[in-house]
Amino acid sequence: MIYALYLLTVIVLVSADQFTKFLITANFKEKIVLVKNFFYINYVKNYGAGFSILQNQKYFLIAISLIAVVIIGYLLVTAKKKESLNKICYLLIIGGSIGNLIDRLSLGYVIDFLDFFIFGYDFPVFNLADCYITVGCFLLIISILLESKNAKN
């Protein structure tokens, strides 16, 4: 039963990511200002990874994504019952990895569109899958640090 819930969660995450990317590709071909000097919709084809590193390394990035999904999937199904936050983190990371993996496999690049300009810095353009991965990793680090602190006490 719990594995069905994991699968459903990943399907919902991936579907939301792919749906937003579909909306962007169907409706936006130029940068749209939503909040001037802060938030834009900017359709970008990213042939690399985060911050556009590893440009044109499609097969390497596909391999890394597949390996990550398998390893994190293993961590998810072997996690202890009390590791609820870790499980949520794993699901976010898996959902984000699969969302971007679908783009790489079907298009050869990842569709990015969320563009923020904060404190004079134009952040790299990203998508929902990137958000899932970032939030999942950030919360996982916090969870590990908290577990480590509790183990010392």
Foldseek 3Di string as FASTA:
>chain_A
DVVVVLVVLLVVLLVVQVVVLVCCVVPPDAWADPDPLFKIFGKDWQLADAVNPPHVVLVVLLVVLVVLLVVLVVCLVPPDPVPVLLNQLSSLLNSLSVNQSVCCVPPVTGIFTIWTRPPNRTHDTHTSSVVSNVVSVVSNVVVVVVVVVVVVD
